[in-house]
Amino acid sequence: MIENELVVYSKPSCVQCSMTYRALDAKGIPYRVVDLAADDNALDYAKDLGYSQAPVVVVDDHDHWSGFRPDQIDRIAKRAILPSDATREARSPAR
């Protein structure tokens, strides 16, 4: 389960950022976008994590990556319990 909000640090006109948004949307994973070009603190944070390529996706303090990583998105989608999943499970008959 994703405990906190997933954050995507991105920049304008970034192809890998757009691909990341589409993949997260397709998996139903909620996220917040922070523009690295508009927020110097966010840029410093991404650099402090050791990244120089956008997007930087932060799940939590210990789980983050840079670039378009469908393998990582699939991994977090498998461990996330999304509201639509919880609703579907609640409606499913007991086995």
N, C-alpha and C. Protein backbone atom coordinates (compact mmCIF):
# COMPACT_ATOMS: atom_id res chain seq x y z
N MET A 1 0.84 -1.18 0.00
CA MET A 1 0.00 0.00 0.00
C MET A 1 0.88 1.24 0.00
N ILE A 2 0.55 2.21 -0.81
CA ILE A 2 1.27 3.47 -0.82
C ILE A 2 0.71 4.31 0.31
N GLU A 3 1.56 4.60 1.29
CA GLU A 3 1.11 5.31 2.48
C GLU A 3 0.92 6.80 2.23
N ASN A 4 1.84 7.38 1.50
CA ASN A 4 1.79 8.81 1.23
C ASN A 4 1.52 9.04 -0.25
N GLU A 5 1.34 10.27 -0.60
CA GLU A 5 1.09 10.62 -1.99
C GLU A 5 2.36 10.46 -2.81
N LEU A 6 2.24 9.79 -3.95
CA LEU A 6 3.34 9.65 -4.88
C LEU A 6 3.56 11.01 -5.54
N VAL A 7 4.82 11.42 -5.69
CA VAL A 7 5.14 12.73 -6.27
C VAL A 7 6.01 12.53 -7.49
N VAL A 8 5.65 13.21 -8.58
CA VAL A 8 6.44 13.18 -9.81
C VAL A 8 7.04 14.56 -10.00
N TYR A 9 8.35 14.64 -9.89
CA TYR A 9 9.07 15.89 -10.13
C TYR A 9 9.41 15.89 -11.62
N SER A 10 8.89 16.89 -12.33
CA SER A 10 9.03 16.88 -13.79
C SER A 10 9.41 18.26 -14.31
N LYS A 11 9.57 18.32 -15.62
CA LYS A 11 9.85 19.60 -16.27
C LYS A 11 8.97 19.72 -17.51
N PRO A 12 8.72 20.94 -17.95
CA PRO A 12 7.86 21.15 -19.11
C PRO A 12 8.41 20.47 -20.37
N SER A 13 7.52 20.03 -21.22
CA SER A 13 7.87 19.41 -22.51
C SER A 13 8.79 18.20 -22.37
N CYS A 14 8.63 17.46 -21.31
CA CYS A 14 9.45 16.28 -21.03
C CYS A 14 8.70 15.04 -21.50
N VAL A 15 9.23 14.37 -22.52
CA VAL A 15 8.57 13.19 -23.08
C VAL A 15 8.49 12.07 -22.05
N GLN A 16 9.58 11.81 -21.33
CA GLN A 16 9.56 10.75 -20.33
C GLN A 16 8.60 11.07 -19.19
N CYS A 17 8.43 12.35 -18.88
CA CYS A 17 7.47 12.76 -17.86
C CYS A 17 6.05 12.44 -18.33
N SER A 18 5.74 12.81 -19.56
CA SER A 18 4.41 12.54 -20.11
C SER A 18 4.12 11.04 -20.15
N MET A 19 5.11 10.25 -20.51
CA MET A 19 4.93 8.80 -20.55
C MET A 19 4.69 8.26 -19.14
N THR A 20 5.35 8.84 -18.16
CA THR A 20 5.16 8.44 -16.76
C THR A 20 3.75 8.76 -16.30
N TYR A 21 3.26 9.97 -16.62
CA TYR A 21 1.89 10.33 -16.25
C TYR A 21 0.89 9.34 -16.85
N ARG A 22 1.06 9.04 -18.14
CA ARG A 22 0.13 8.12 -18.81
C ARG A 22 0.15 6.74 -18.17
N ALA A 23 1.33 6.25 -17.83
CA ALA A 23 1.43 4.93 -17.21
C ALA A 23 0.80 4.92 -15.82
N LEU A 24 1.04 5.97 -15.04
CA LEU A 24 0.42 6.06 -13.71
C LEU A 24 -1.09 6.16 -13.83
N ASP A 25 -1.57 6.97 -14.77
CA ASP A 25 -3.01 7.10 -14.99
C ASP A 25 -3.62 5.77 -15.40
N ALA A 26 -2.95 5.05 -16.28
CA ALA A 26 -3.46 3.76 -16.76
C ALA A 26 -3.58 2.75 -15.62
N LYS A 27 -2.70 2.84 -14.63
CA LYS A 27 -2.73 1.93 -13.49
C LYS A 27 -3.62 2.46 -12.37
N GLY A 28 -4.16 3.67 -12.53
CA GLY A 28 -5.02 4.25 -11.50
C GLY A 28 -4.27 4.69 -10.26
N ILE A 29 -3.00 5.03 -10.42
CA ILE A 29 -2.19 5.44 -9.28
C ILE A 29 -2.24 6.96 -9.14
N PRO A 30 -2.75 7.46 -8.01
CA PRO A 30 -2.80 8.91 -7.82
C PRO A 30 -1.41 9.48 -7.59
N TYR A 31 -1.19 10.69 -8.07
CA TYR A 31 0.11 11.33 -7.92
C TYR A 31 -0.06 12.84 -7.97
N ARG A 32 0.98 13.51 -7.52
CA ARG A 32 1.04 14.97 -7.56
C ARG A 32 2.26 15.34 -8.38
N VAL A 33 2.14 16.36 -9.22
CA VAL A 33 3.24 16.81 -10.08
C VAL A 33 3.85 18.07 -9.49
N VAL A 34 5.19 18.09 -9.44
CA VAL A 34 5.93 19.27 -9.01
C VAL A 34 6.84 19.66 -10.17
N ASP A 35 6.75 20.90 -10.61
CA ASP A 35 7.52 21.40 -11.75
C ASP A 35 8.93 21.79 -11.28
N LEU A 36 9.92 21.06 -11.75
CA LEU A 36 11.30 21.33 -11.38
C LEU A 36 11.78 22.69 -11.89
N ALA A 37 11.22 23.14 -13.01
CA ALA A 37 11.63 24.42 -13.58
C ALA A 37 11.10 25.60 -12.77
N ALA A 38 10.03 25.40 -12.02
CA ALA A 38 9.40 26.48 -11.28
C ALA A 38 9.71 26.45 -9.78
N ASP A 39 10.32 25.38 -9.31
CA ASP A 39 10.53 25.21 -7.87
C ASP A 39 11.99 24.84 -7.60
N ASP A 40 12.78 25.83 -7.20
CA ASP A 40 14.21 25.59 -6.95
C ASP A 40 14.44 24.58 -5.83
N ASN A 41 13.57 24.59 -4.82
CA ASN A 41 13.71 23.62 -3.72
C ASN A 41 13.49 22.20 -4.23
N ALA A 42 12.53 22.03 -5.13
CA ALA A 42 12.28 20.71 -5.71
C ALA A 42 13.47 20.24 -6.53
N LEU A 43 14.06 21.15 -7.29
CA LEU A 43 15.24 20.80 -8.08
C LEU A 43 16.39 20.39 -7.17
N ASP A 44 16.60 21.13 -6.09
CA ASP A 44 17.65 20.77 -5.12
C ASP A 44 17.37 19.41 -4.50
N TYR A 45 16.10 19.13 -4.19
CA TYR A 45 15.72 17.85 -3.61
C TYR A 45 16.04 16.70 -4.56
N ALA A 46 15.68 16.87 -5.83
CA ALA A 46 15.97 15.83 -6.84
C ALA A 46 17.47 15.60 -6.96
N LYS A 47 18.22 16.68 -6.95
CA LYS A 47 19.69 16.56 -7.03
C LYS A 47 20.24 15.89 -5.78
N ASP A 48 19.69 16.22 -4.61
CA ASP A 48 20.12 15.60 -3.35
C ASP A 48 19.87 14.10 -3.35
N LEU A 49 18.81 13.66 -4.05
CA LEU A 49 18.53 12.23 -4.18
C LEU A 49 19.52 11.56 -5.15
N GLY A 50 20.26 12.40 -5.89
CA GLY A 50 21.26 11.88 -6.81
C GLY A 50 20.81 11.81 -8.26
N TYR A 51 19.72 12.48 -8.59
CA TYR A 51 19.16 12.41 -9.94
C TYR A 51 19.42 13.69 -10.73
N SER A 52 19.67 13.51 -12.02
CA SER A 52 19.84 14.65 -12.92
C SER A 52 18.93 14.54 -14.14
N GLN A 53 18.07 13.53 -14.15
CA GLN A 53 17.15 13.28 -15.26
C GLN A 53 15.72 13.29 -14.74
N ALA A 54 14.84 13.94 -15.51
CA ALA A 54 13.42 13.95 -15.15
C ALA A 54 12.70 12.85 -15.93
N PRO A 55 11.61 12.38 -15.38
CA PRO A 55 11.04 12.73 -14.09
C PRO A 55 11.76 12.01 -12.95
N VAL A 56 11.59 12.56 -11.78
CA VAL A 56 12.00 11.87 -10.56
C VAL A 56 10.70 11.50 -9.85
N VAL A 57 10.50 10.22 -9.64
CA VAL A 57 9.27 9.72 -9.01
C VAL A 57 9.62 9.29 -7.60
N VAL A 58 8.90 9.86 -6.63
CA VAL A 58 9.17 9.56 -5.22
C VAL A 58 7.92 8.93 -4.62
N VAL A 59 8.09 7.67 -4.20
CA VAL A 59 7.01 6.95 -3.51
C VAL A 59 7.11 7.25 -2.02
N ASP A 60 8.32 7.15 -1.49
CA ASP A 60 8.59 7.51 -0.10
C ASP A 60 10.08 7.81 0.03
N ASP A 61 10.56 8.00 1.26
CA ASP A 61 11.96 8.38 1.48
C ASP A 61 12.96 7.35 0.96
N HIS A 62 12.53 6.10 0.84
CA HIS A 62 13.45 5.03 0.45
C HIS A 62 13.13 4.43 -0.91
N ASP A 63 12.08 4.88 -1.54
CA ASP A 63 11.61 4.29 -2.80
C ASP A 63 11.41 5.40 -3.82
N HIS A 64 12.37 5.53 -4.73
CA HIS A 64 12.30 6.57 -5.75
C HIS A 64 13.17 6.17 -6.94
N TRP A 65 12.90 6.80 -8.08
CA TRP A 65 13.69 6.53 -9.28
C TRP A 65 13.60 7.72 -10.22
N SER A 66 14.41 7.66 -11.27
CA SER A 66 14.44 8.71 -12.27
C SER A 66 14.19 8.12 -13.65
N GLY A 67 13.54 8.90 -14.51
CA GLY A 67 13.25 8.47 -15.87
C GLY A 67 11.94 7.71 -15.96
N PHE A 68 11.57 7.37 -17.18
CA PHE A 68 10.36 6.57 -17.41
C PHE A 68 10.68 5.12 -17.11
N ARG A 69 10.06 4.58 -16.06
CA ARG A 69 10.35 3.21 -15.61
C ARG A 69 9.05 2.42 -15.47
N PRO A 70 8.55 1.86 -16.56
CA PRO A 70 7.31 1.09 -16.47
C PRO A 70 7.43 -0.10 -15.52
N ASP A 71 8.63 -0.66 -15.37
CA ASP A 71 8.82 -1.77 -14.43
C ASP A 71 8.58 -1.32 -12.99
N GLN A 72 9.03 -0.12 -12.66
CA GLN A 72 8.81 0.41 -11.31
C GLN A 72 7.34 0.77 -11.10
N ILE A 73 6.70 1.32 -12.12
CA ILE A 73 5.29 1.65 -12.01
C ILE A 73 4.46 0.39 -11.82
N ASP A 74 4.79 -0.67 -12.57
CA ASP A 74 4.10 -1.96 -12.38
C ASP A 74 4.31 -2.48 -10.96
N ARG A 75 5.53 -2.33 -10.45
CA ARG A 75 5.84 -2.82 -9.10
C ARG A 75 5.00 -2.11 -8.04
N ILE A 76 4.93 -0.78 -8.14
CA ILE A 76 4.15 -0.07 -7.12
C ILE A 76 2.65 -0.28 -7.31
N ALA A 77 2.22 -0.50 -8.55
CA ALA A 77 0.79 -0.76 -8.79
C ALA A 77 0.38 -2.06 -8.12
N LYS A 78 1.25 -3.04 -8.10
CA LYS A 78 0.94 -4.32 -7.48
C LYS A 78 0.83 -4.22 -5.97
N ARG A 79 1.56 -3.30 -5.37
CA ARG A 79 1.51 -3.20 -3.91
C ARG A 79 0.53 -2.14 -3.43
N ALA A 80 0.03 -1.32 -4.35
CA ALA A 80 -0.92 -0.26 -3.98
C ALA A 80 -2.31 -0.84 -3.83
N ILE A 81 -3.00 -0.40 -2.81
CA ILE A 81 -4.41 -0.72 -2.68
C ILE A 81 -5.14 0.58 -3.00
N LEU A 82 -5.74 0.60 -4.16
CA LEU A 82 -6.38 1.81 -4.64
C LEU A 82 -7.84 1.83 -4.22
N PRO A 83 -8.46 3.01 -4.10
CA PRO A 83 -9.86 3.08 -3.69
C PRO A 83 -10.78 2.20 -4.54
N SER A 84 -10.57 2.14 -5.84
CA SER A 84 -11.43 1.33 -6.70
C SER A 84 -11.27 -0.16 -6.38
N ASP A 85 -10.06 -0.58 -6.01
CA ASP A 85 -9.82 -1.97 -5.63
C ASP A 85 -10.52 -2.30 -4.32
N ALA A 86 -10.44 -1.40 -3.35
CA ALA A 86 -11.07 -1.64 -2.05
C ALA A 86 -12.59 -1.74 -2.22
N THR A 87 -13.16 -0.90 -3.06
CA THR A 87 -14.60 -0.95 -3.31
C THR A 87 -14.98 -2.28 -3.96
N ARG A 88 -14.20 -2.68 -4.95
CA ARG A 88 -14.48 -3.92 -5.66
C ARG A 88 -14.37 -5.11 -4.71
N GLU A 89 -13.35 -5.10 -3.83
CA GLU A 89 -13.19 -6.20 -2.87
C GLU A 89 -14.36 -6.24 -1.89
N ALA A 90 -14.84 -5.07 -1.48
CA ALA A 90 -15.95 -5.02 -0.52
C ALA A 90 -17.23 -5.57 -1.14
N ARG A 91 -17.39 -5.42 -2.44
CA ARG A 91 -18.60 -5.89 -3.12
C ARG A 91 -18.52 -7.35 -3.51
N SER A 92 -17.30 -7.90 -3.53
CA SER A 92 -17.14 -9.31 -3.95
C SER A 92 -17.69 -10.22 -2.89
N PRO A 93 -18.39 -11.28 -3.29
CA PRO A 93 -18.90 -12.24 -2.29
C PRO A 93 -17.74 -12.99 -1.61
N ALA A 94 -17.95 -13.35 -0.38
CA ALA A 94 -16.91 -14.09 0.36
C ALA A 94 -16.73 -15.46 -0.28
N ARG A 95 -15.49 -15.91 -0.26
CA ARG A 95 -15.20 -17.23 -0.85
C ARG A 95 -14.99 -18.25 0.20
